[in-house]
Amino acid sequence: MRSLRVILVGLILLIWVASAQANWSSWQEYTTIEADNKPFITLEVRTFYANNYPPRAQWRATNRSQQTLYCAEIGRQRYILAHGHQVIGAPQGCRTMAPGETAVYPNEVIGKKGQRIAQMAMDVFSFDLEKGKNRQRVPLN
């Protein structure tokens, strides 16, 4: 009887987790930063929505260059919710990215449960071309 209860609880948790994961949107390209007319970095974003949970946003960056990027970080993000309220997300990052590598940044809670994100923007993407040197700041707005 006890093992049946454990299996039932496990099944309920699995269904709960699977339903939450199903609410992430697919990745959408936000922008591609170019250098010498070639793609250098691609930034993408996805959102999470469920009636009983607060909305979330998650960013990822792909290093499309042939060089390692040090301390790659996304700048402040601005989110506008469907009802017009604005939320500012803190910069995230300081990731080392090898050529071709994709860095997924932690997701962030934006607003309160049941709300939807209507618009997203990021102010800057920054990275070092050498470890601790040659800081590059690419404005995105």
Protein backbone atom coordinates (compact mmCIF):
# COMPACT_ATOMS: atom_id res chain seq x y z
CA MET A 1 0.00 0.00 0.00
CA ARG A 2 2.82 2.39 0.90
CA SER A 3 4.67 1.72 -2.38
CA LEU A 4 1.47 2.42 -4.32
CA ARG A 5 1.15 5.76 -2.53
CA VAL A 6 4.79 6.61 -3.38
CA ILE A 7 4.19 5.73 -7.04
CA LEU A 8 1.02 7.82 -7.11
CA VAL A 9 2.77 10.85 -5.56
CA GLY A 10 5.65 10.42 -8.03
CA LEU A 11 3.22 10.27 -10.95
CA ILE A 12 1.44 13.43 -9.79
CA LEU A 13 4.77 15.25 -9.46
CA LEU A 14 5.83 14.08 -12.92
CA ILE A 15 2.59 15.35 -14.46
CA TRP A 16 2.94 18.67 -12.61
CA VAL A 17 6.54 19.16 -13.78
CA ALA A 18 5.72 18.14 -17.36
CA SER A 19 2.80 20.56 -17.54
CA ALA A 20 4.96 23.43 -16.25
CA GLN A 21 7.70 22.67 -18.79
CA ALA A 22 5.17 22.58 -21.62
CA ASN A 23 4.36 26.25 -21.02
CA TRP A 24 7.78 27.55 -22.11
CA SER A 25 7.61 29.18 -25.52
CA SER A 26 10.13 28.20 -28.15
CA TRP A 27 13.28 30.31 -28.42
CA GLN A 28 12.81 33.49 -30.48
CA GLU A 29 15.72 35.39 -31.97
CA TYR A 30 16.00 38.80 -30.33
CA THR A 31 18.94 40.09 -32.37
CA THR A 32 22.17 39.06 -34.06
CA ILE A 33 25.22 41.23 -33.44
CA GLU A 34 27.52 41.39 -36.46
CA ALA A 35 31.22 42.14 -36.88
CA ASP A 36 32.68 42.67 -40.36
CA ASN A 37 29.27 41.77 -41.85
CA LYS A 38 29.36 38.31 -40.24
CA PRO A 39 27.21 37.03 -37.37
CA PHE A 40 29.13 37.42 -34.11
CA ILE A 41 26.59 36.77 -31.35
CA THR A 42 22.96 35.70 -31.54
CA LEU A 43 20.68 36.58 -28.61
CA GLU A 44 17.43 34.69 -28.09
CA VAL A 45 14.66 34.82 -25.53
CA ARG A 46 11.77 32.63 -24.43
CA THR A 47 8.94 33.10 -21.95
CA PHE A 48 6.95 30.95 -19.57
CA TYR A 49 3.26 31.43 -18.90
CA ALA A 50 0.78 29.48 -16.78
CA ASN A 51 -2.38 30.67 -15.01
CA ASN A 52 -1.21 29.64 -11.55
CA TYR A 53 2.42 30.76 -11.84
CA PRO A 54 4.17 34.09 -12.36
CA PRO A 55 5.53 34.69 -15.87
CA ARG A 56 9.22 34.06 -16.49
CA ALA A 57 11.73 35.04 -19.14
CA GLN A 58 15.00 33.40 -20.09
CA TRP A 59 17.78 34.57 -22.41
CA ARG A 60 20.52 32.72 -24.23
CA ALA A 61 23.50 33.86 -26.27
CA THR A 62 25.37 31.93 -28.95
CA ASN A 63 28.96 32.83 -29.77
CA ARG A 64 29.08 32.63 -33.57
CA SER A 65 32.60 34.04 -33.80
CA GLN A 66 35.89 32.15 -34.01
CA GLN A 67 37.21 33.52 -30.71
CA THR A 68 36.55 32.92 -27.04
CA LEU A 69 34.50 35.60 -25.29
CA TYR A 70 35.19 36.26 -21.61
CA CYS A 71 32.72 37.56 -19.05
CA ALA A 72 29.84 37.62 -21.56
CA GLU A 73 26.84 39.19 -19.87
CA ILE A 74 23.41 40.42 -20.79
CA GLY A 75 22.51 43.91 -19.67
CA ARG A 76 19.38 45.18 -17.99
CA GLN A 77 16.19 43.82 -19.47
CA ARG A 78 12.91 45.70 -19.69
CA TYR A 79 9.64 43.80 -19.71
CA ILE A 80 6.22 45.31 -20.32
CA LEU A 81 3.35 43.18 -19.08
CA ALA A 82 0.05 42.92 -20.94
CA HIS A 83 -1.66 45.37 -18.55
CA GLY A 84 1.12 47.97 -19.11
CA HIS A 85 3.21 47.52 -15.94
CA GLN A 86 6.97 47.69 -16.57
CA VAL A 87 9.52 45.40 -14.86
CA ILE A 88 13.31 45.87 -15.03
CA GLY A 89 15.54 42.79 -14.85
CA ALA A 90 19.08 42.99 -13.47
CA PRO A 91 22.14 42.28 -15.65
CA GLN A 92 23.14 38.60 -15.68
CA GLY A 93 26.18 36.72 -16.69
CA CYS A 94 29.94 36.83 -16.70
CA ARG A 95 30.16 33.59 -18.68
CA THR A 96 33.12 32.42 -20.75
CA MET A 97 31.93 31.31 -24.19
CA ALA A 98 34.08 29.26 -26.55
CA PRO A 99 33.52 29.61 -30.31
CA GLY A 100 30.14 28.10 -31.20
CA GLU A 101 29.07 27.75 -27.56
CA THR A 102 25.62 28.73 -26.32
CA ALA A 103 25.18 30.16 -22.83
CA VAL A 104 21.72 29.92 -21.25
CA TYR A 105 21.18 32.50 -18.52
CA PRO A 106 19.00 31.80 -15.45
CA ASN A 107 15.29 32.44 -15.91
CA GLU A 108 13.76 35.35 -14.08
CA VAL A 109 10.31 35.81 -12.54
CA ILE A 110 8.58 38.78 -14.15
CA GLY A 111 5.37 40.01 -12.51
CA LYS A 112 2.71 38.06 -10.63
CA LYS A 113 0.90 34.83 -11.39
CA GLY A 114 -1.49 34.90 -14.31
CA GLN A 115 0.14 37.94 -15.95
CA ARG A 116 1.62 37.86 -19.46
CA ILE A 117 4.73 39.48 -20.89
CA ALA A 118 3.80 41.68 -23.87
CA GLN A 119 7.20 43.19 -24.80
CA MET A 120 10.87 42.57 -23.98
CA ALA A 121 14.03 44.56 -24.56
CA MET A 122 17.69 44.50 -23.46
CA ASP A 123 19.92 47.57 -23.20
CA VAL A 124 23.41 46.14 -23.83
CA PHE A 125 25.44 42.95 -24.33
CA SER A 126 29.00 43.06 -22.94
CA PHE A 127 32.06 40.82 -23.18
CA ASP A 128 35.86 40.85 -22.96
CA LEU A 129 37.98 39.89 -25.97
CA GLU A 130 40.85 39.00 -23.64
CA LYS A 131 40.54 37.67 -20.11
CA GLY A 132 39.91 40.77 -17.98
CA LYS A 133 40.76 43.19 -20.83
CA ASN A 134 39.37 44.88 -23.91
CA ARG A 135 35.74 45.21 -22.69
CA GLN A 136 33.19 45.54 -25.49
CA ARG A 137 29.73 46.97 -24.83
CA VAL A 138 27.22 46.58 -27.66
CA PRO A 139 24.14 48.82 -27.22
CA LEU A 140 20.94 47.07 -28.31
CA ASN A 141 18.38 49.90 -28.11
